[in-house]
Amino acid sequence: QTLIRVLDQPPAAVALRCGSRAWTYEALGRQAGAFADELRRRELEDGGRVALVLPPSAELAISLLGCWMAGVLAAPLDPLMPLDRLEAAVRRAGADLLVADGLAGVALSSSLGWHDRTVLCRAPSQWAGQRLEGIVRQKPSPLEARRWGAAEPCLLLFPLVGPLLGRAIPAQGLDGFVTAWRDELVVGSKDRVAWTPHLPGDFALLDLLIGLSAGAAVLVVPEGQ
């Protein structure tokens, strides 16, 4: 499975670079494990749903992997969607928790009335709720990759435009998709993979998952480049 391949990479190898920051595979797995523990504390494991309204970033990678470690379906949503469309998508996803970023995350949480069901990354100083930074610094339980059933949905994708219909991606389908593209592009552990913002549909997370499952270093491409 894609998740197991990511957690099995050499711990000291660089997994992700975002500007001047870098995460090894060990650090990425440890922080994802702490987030998974937070989801279990909220009793969301094995059936819960989390909306991830984040740009390509270490925080999105940590949250996504943490969801899968806990057996939680992740619904990644483009933060550039209009607020009313984001709110509708979060509700339609049946999300139990919102993970978002900055002032836009505060606005979405306020619009939903979800102050107690929101975790913010890079939270503004006036935010009084829970912050992802505090979660990922916790000491996680021993790392353990939850094994998904082949037909279980692990991702819920919504289009940027058009009818707001979510498409559930089963674990086996995601694994096959990532493996096929990784083999087609011949990506290996010595490569560097650019993670480009705001690609449409299934391609939104493809760069990240191909790179991490191959043991490559994933480079976050800033907005506008």
Protein backbone atom coordinates (compact mmCIF):
# COMPACT_ATOMS: atom_id res chain seq x y z
CA GLN A 1 0.00 0.00 0.00
CA THR A 2 1.03 3.60 -0.62
CA LEU A 3 1.08 4.49 3.09
CA ILE A 4 3.23 1.50 4.04
CA ARG A 5 5.71 2.31 1.28
CA VAL A 6 6.05 5.85 2.64
CA LEU A 7 6.65 4.67 6.22
CA ASP A 8 9.17 2.06 5.07
CA GLN A 9 11.55 4.58 3.47
CA PRO A 10 15.03 5.17 5.02
CA PRO A 11 14.35 7.33 8.12
CA ALA A 12 17.18 9.83 7.57
CA ALA A 13 16.38 10.51 3.89
CA VAL A 14 14.80 13.88 3.08
CA ALA A 15 11.11 13.41 2.34
CA LEU A 16 9.91 16.97 1.86
CA ARG A 17 11.35 20.44 1.32
CA CYS A 18 9.25 23.57 1.67
CA GLY A 19 11.28 26.75 1.31
CA SER A 20 14.04 26.65 3.91
CA ARG A 21 12.35 23.85 5.89
CA ALA A 22 12.98 20.15 5.39
CA TRP A 23 11.51 16.95 6.85
CA THR A 24 13.10 13.51 6.87
CA TYR A 25 10.92 10.44 6.38
CA GLU A 26 11.31 9.75 10.10
CA ALA A 27 10.13 13.26 11.05
CA LEU A 28 7.24 13.14 8.59
CA GLY A 29 6.11 9.77 9.93
CA ARG A 30 6.48 10.88 13.56
CA GLN A 31 4.43 14.04 13.04
CA ALA A 32 1.80 12.18 11.03
CA GLY A 33 1.64 9.66 13.89
CA ALA A 34 1.00 12.44 16.40
CA PHE A 35 -1.83 13.76 14.23
CA ALA A 36 -3.26 10.22 13.95
CA ASP A 37 -3.21 9.99 17.74
CA GLU A 38 -5.18 13.25 17.92
CA LEU A 39 -7.80 11.79 15.58
CA ARG A 40 -8.04 8.68 17.75
CA ARG A 41 -8.41 10.89 20.83
CA ARG A 42 -11.38 12.49 19.09
CA GLU A 43 -12.71 8.98 18.34
CA LEU A 44 -12.54 9.52 14.58
CA GLU A 45 -10.52 6.43 13.69
CA ASP A 46 -11.90 3.78 11.31
CA GLY A 47 -14.75 5.65 9.70
CA GLY A 48 -14.27 9.33 10.52
CA ARG A 49 -13.88 12.02 7.85
CA VAL A 50 -11.56 15.02 7.86
CA ALA A 51 -11.68 17.98 5.45
CA LEU A 52 -8.17 19.25 4.59
CA VAL A 53 -8.41 22.81 3.26
CA LEU A 54 -4.69 23.39 2.75
CA PRO A 55 -2.32 24.34 -0.08
CA PRO A 56 0.52 21.97 -1.03
CA SER A 57 2.64 22.04 2.13
CA ALA A 58 4.22 19.92 4.83
CA GLU A 59 1.05 20.45 6.86
CA LEU A 60 -1.08 18.89 4.12
CA ALA A 61 1.29 15.91 3.82
CA ILE A 62 1.33 15.39 7.61
CA SER A 63 -2.46 15.67 7.88
CA LEU A 64 -3.10 13.36 4.93
CA LEU A 65 -0.74 10.63 6.18
CA GLY A 66 -2.09 11.02 9.72
CA CYS A 67 -5.63 10.49 8.47
CA TRP A 68 -4.64 7.29 6.70
CA MET A 69 -2.67 6.02 9.70
CA ALA A 70 -5.82 6.40 11.81
CA GLY A 71 -8.11 4.85 9.19
CA VAL A 72 -9.83 8.18 8.51
CA LEU A 73 -11.10 9.25 5.08
CA ALA A 74 -9.45 12.50 3.92
CA ALA A 75 -11.27 15.08 1.81
CA PRO A 76 -8.63 17.49 0.43
CA LEU A 77 -10.16 20.75 -0.82
CA ASP A 78 -8.49 23.59 -2.71
CA PRO A 79 -8.34 26.64 -0.39
CA LEU A 80 -8.77 28.90 -3.45
CA MET A 81 -12.38 27.76 -3.82
CA PRO A 82 -14.92 30.48 -2.95
CA LEU A 83 -15.93 30.38 0.71
CA ASP A 84 -19.52 29.32 0.01
CA ARG A 85 -18.35 26.44 -2.18
CA LEU A 86 -15.82 25.33 0.44
CA GLU A 87 -18.49 25.40 3.13
CA ALA A 88 -20.85 23.36 0.96
CA ALA A 89 -18.09 20.83 0.12
CA VAL A 90 -17.12 20.37 3.79
CA ARG A 91 -20.74 19.71 4.70
CA ARG A 92 -21.33 17.43 1.71
CA ALA A 93 -18.22 15.44 2.62
CA GLY A 94 -19.78 14.66 5.99
CA ALA A 95 -16.58 15.87 7.67
CA ASP A 96 -16.14 15.48 11.42
CA LEU A 97 -13.12 17.80 11.59
CA LEU A 98 -11.69 20.69 9.56
CA VAL A 99 -7.94 21.24 9.12
CA ALA A 100 -7.29 24.62 7.52
CA ASP A 101 -4.79 27.47 7.33
CA GLY A 102 -4.50 31.05 8.52
CA LEU A 103 -7.17 33.72 8.23
CA ALA A 104 -8.97 31.82 5.45
CA GLY A 105 -9.27 28.88 7.85
CA VAL A 106 -10.69 31.17 10.55
CA ALA A 107 -13.26 32.50 8.07
CA LEU A 108 -14.31 29.00 6.99
CA SER A 109 -14.50 27.74 10.57
CA SER A 110 -16.62 30.75 11.54
CA SER A 111 -18.91 30.29 8.53
CA LEU A 112 -19.44 26.64 9.49
CA GLY A 113 -19.77 27.42 13.20
CA TRP A 114 -17.03 24.83 13.82
CA HIS A 115 -14.67 26.50 16.28
CA ASP A 116 -14.41 23.31 18.36
CA ARG A 117 -14.08 21.12 15.26
CA THR A 118 -11.24 23.03 13.59
CA VAL A 119 -7.45 22.65 13.74
CA LEU A 120 -5.46 25.51 12.20
CA CYS A 121 -1.98 25.47 10.69
CA ARG A 122 -0.03 28.73 11.01
CA ALA A 123 -2.90 30.09 13.08
CA PRO A 124 -3.22 33.89 13.49
CA SER A 125 -2.45 35.23 16.94
CA GLN A 126 -6.12 35.81 17.83
CA TRP A 127 -7.09 32.17 17.17
CA ALA A 128 -8.06 30.55 20.48
CA GLY A 129 -8.72 27.05 19.15
CA GLN A 130 -6.41 24.11 18.50
CA ARG A 131 -3.25 24.48 16.41
CA LEU A 132 -1.61 21.77 14.33
CA GLU A 133 1.81 22.86 15.56
CA GLY A 134 0.87 21.79 19.08
CA ILE A 135 -0.38 18.42 17.89
CA VAL A 136 2.58 17.43 15.74
CA ARG A 137 5.01 18.18 18.56
CA GLN A 138 3.35 15.62 20.81
CA LYS A 139 5.08 12.28 21.25
CA PRO A 140 3.08 9.84 19.12
CA SER A 141 2.28 6.23 19.84
CA PRO A 142 4.59 3.67 18.14
CA LEU A 143 4.16 4.07 14.36
CA GLU A 144 1.70 1.67 12.92
CA ALA A 145 0.26 1.75 9.41
CA ARG A 146 -3.41 0.88 9.34
CA ARG A 147 -4.05 -1.64 6.54
CA TRP A 148 -6.96 -0.48 4.43
CA GLY A 149 -9.38 -2.88 2.79
CA ALA A 150 -9.07 -2.78 -1.00
CA ALA A 151 -12.57 -1.38 -1.54
CA GLU A 152 -12.54 1.07 1.38
CA PRO A 153 -12.58 4.74 0.30
CA CYS A 154 -9.56 6.63 1.62
CA LEU A 155 -9.95 9.87 -0.37
CA LEU A 156 -12.95 12.01 -1.26
CA LEU A 157 -12.31 14.43 -4.13
CA PHE A 158 -14.42 17.42 -5.16
CA PRO A 159 -14.05 19.36 -8.44
CA LEU A 160 -12.93 22.98 -8.42
CA VAL A 161 -15.84 23.98 -10.67
CA GLY A 162 -19.12 22.48 -11.82
CA PRO A 163 -21.52 20.32 -9.82
CA LEU A 164 -20.29 19.77 -6.28
CA LEU A 165 -20.22 15.97 -6.43
CA GLY A 166 -17.65 14.13 -4.33
CA ARG A 167 -15.88 11.11 -5.80
CA ALA A 168 -14.71 8.45 -3.35
CA ILE A 169 -11.36 6.82 -4.22
CA PRO A 170 -10.89 3.29 -2.82
CA ALA A 171 -7.55 2.34 -1.30
CA GLN A 172 -6.83 -0.22 -4.02
CA GLY A 173 -7.63 2.33 -6.74
CA LEU A 174 -5.30 4.92 -5.19
CA ASP A 175 -2.49 2.37 -4.80
CA GLY A 176 -2.85 1.26 -8.42
CA PHE A 177 -2.95 4.86 -9.66
CA VAL A 178 0.17 5.88 -7.75
CA THR A 179 2.09 2.71 -8.65
CA ALA A 180 1.26 2.98 -12.35
CA TRP A 181 2.41 6.59 -12.58
CA ARG A 182 5.52 5.96 -10.45
CA ASP A 183 6.55 3.12 -12.76
CA GLU A 184 5.64 5.08 -15.90
CA LEU A 185 7.75 8.05 -14.81
CA VAL A 186 10.52 5.83 -13.38
CA VAL A 187 10.73 7.75 -10.11
CA GLY A 188 13.29 6.47 -7.58
CA SER A 189 14.82 7.34 -4.24
CA LYS A 190 17.52 9.54 -5.79
CA ASP A 191 15.02 11.78 -7.57
CA ARG A 192 13.44 15.07 -6.60
CA VAL A 193 9.76 15.58 -7.38
CA ALA A 194 8.14 19.01 -7.70
CA TRP A 195 4.74 19.29 -5.98
CA THR A 196 2.84 21.90 -7.97
CA PRO A 197 -0.06 23.86 -6.43
CA HIS A 198 -3.66 23.61 -7.56
CA LEU A 199 -3.58 20.87 -10.17
CA PRO A 200 -7.07 19.66 -11.07
CA GLY A 201 -8.83 16.56 -9.80
CA ASP A 202 -6.87 13.38 -9.18
CA PHE A 203 -3.58 15.11 -9.98
CA ALA A 204 -3.75 17.40 -6.94
CA LEU A 205 -1.90 14.89 -4.72
CA LEU A 206 -0.24 12.77 -7.40
CA ASP A 207 3.16 14.48 -7.26
CA LEU A 208 3.31 14.12 -3.47
CA LEU A 209 2.29 10.45 -3.34
CA ILE A 210 4.47 9.35 -6.26
CA GLY A 211 7.49 11.01 -4.68
CA LEU A 212 7.00 9.78 -1.13
CA SER A 213 6.13 6.21 -2.12
CA ALA A 214 9.35 6.08 -4.18
CA GLY A 215 11.53 7.46 -1.37
CA ALA A 216 12.25 10.62 -3.37
CA ALA A 217 12.53 14.18 -2.01
CA VAL A 218 9.36 16.16 -2.72
CA LEU A 219 9.85 19.90 -3.31
CA VAL A 220 6.87 22.18 -2.67
CA VAL A 221 6.55 24.68 -5.52
CA PRO A 222 5.36 28.06 -4.14
CA GLU A 223 2.19 29.62 -5.49
CA GLY A 224 2.76 31.53 -8.74
CA GLN A 225 5.95 29.73 -9.75
